[in-house]
Protein backbone atom coordinates (compact mmCIF):
# COMPACT_ATOMS: atom_id res chain seq x y z
CA MET A 1 109.89 148.70 76.72
CA GLY A 2 110.23 148.81 80.52
CA ALA A 3 106.48 148.36 81.03
CA LEU A 4 106.43 145.38 78.71
CA ARG A 5 109.32 143.73 80.58
CA THR A 6 107.56 144.18 83.94
CA LEU A 7 104.50 142.48 82.48
CA ILE A 8 106.31 139.55 80.81
CA VAL A 9 108.43 138.42 83.77
CA PRO A 10 105.50 137.83 86.18
CA LEU A 11 103.59 136.16 83.35
CA LEU A 12 106.46 133.75 82.70
CA ILE A 13 106.69 133.01 86.43
CA LEU A 14 102.96 132.18 86.50
CA ILE A 15 103.29 129.94 83.47
CA ALA A 16 106.27 128.13 84.98
CA ALA A 17 104.39 127.65 88.26
CA GLY A 18 101.39 126.28 86.37
CA VAL A 19 103.53 123.80 84.45
CA LEU A 20 105.26 122.68 87.64
CA GLY A 21 101.93 122.29 89.45
CA GLY A 22 100.55 120.29 86.53
CA ALA A 23 103.55 117.95 86.61
CA VAL A 24 103.11 117.40 90.34
CA LEU A 25 99.41 116.70 89.86
CA VAL A 26 100.07 114.18 87.07
CA ARG A 27 102.65 112.39 89.20
CA PHE A 28 100.20 112.17 92.11
CA VAL A 29 97.42 110.80 89.90
CA VAL A 30 99.72 108.18 88.35
CA ARG A 31 100.81 106.99 91.81
CA GLU A 32 97.19 106.73 92.96
CA ILE A 33 96.19 104.77 89.86
CA ARG A 34 99.03 102.32 90.40
CA ARG A 35 98.14 101.94 94.10
CA VAL A 36 94.47 101.26 93.34
CA ASN A 37 95.34 98.78 90.59
CA ARG A 38 97.70 96.96 92.96
CA GLU A 39 94.92 96.67 95.54
CA LEU A 40 92.48 95.41 92.92
CA ASP A 41 94.97 92.80 91.69
CA GLU A 42 95.50 91.59 95.26
CA ALA A 43 91.74 91.34 95.78
CA ARG A 44 91.34 89.36 92.55
CA GLU A 45 94.10 86.96 93.58
CA ALA A 46 92.48 86.45 96.99
CA LYS A 47 89.13 85.80 95.34
CA LEU A 48 90.65 83.20 93.01
CA ASP A 49 92.34 81.47 95.95
CA ASP A 50 88.97 81.16 97.70
CA ARG A 51 87.58 79.15 94.78
CA ASP A 52 89.85 76.18 95.46
CA GLY A 53 87.58 74.83 98.21
CA ILE A 54 84.35 75.05 96.23
CA ARG A 55 82.93 71.77 94.98
CA THR A 56 81.74 71.55 91.39
CA LEU A 57 78.47 70.14 90.13
CA ARG A 58 78.29 67.36 87.59
CA ARG A 59 75.25 66.08 85.74
CA ASP A 60 74.00 62.67 86.82
CA PRO A 61 73.08 60.83 83.60
CA ASP A 62 70.57 58.59 85.36
CA SER A 63 68.40 61.33 86.88
CA ASP A 64 69.40 64.33 84.72
CA THR A 65 70.06 66.37 87.85
CA PHE A 66 73.24 68.06 88.94
CA ARG A 67 75.01 66.65 91.96
CA PRO A 68 78.21 67.68 93.77
CA SER A 69 81.24 65.81 92.58
């Protein structure tokens, strides 16, 4: 029984350390995903703001060509 106890305790410590390490890793990954998504959202917003100054083209019915409006 003594040999079994000396084997189980270190095994439980390793399992607990693995679970704790996994939780830390998941938390890190979630933070990184949120950070990257925030940066992408900011880039999309900036790109949409740049479109305000672009002129659109409209078809000229007389010549069937597109001209800036």
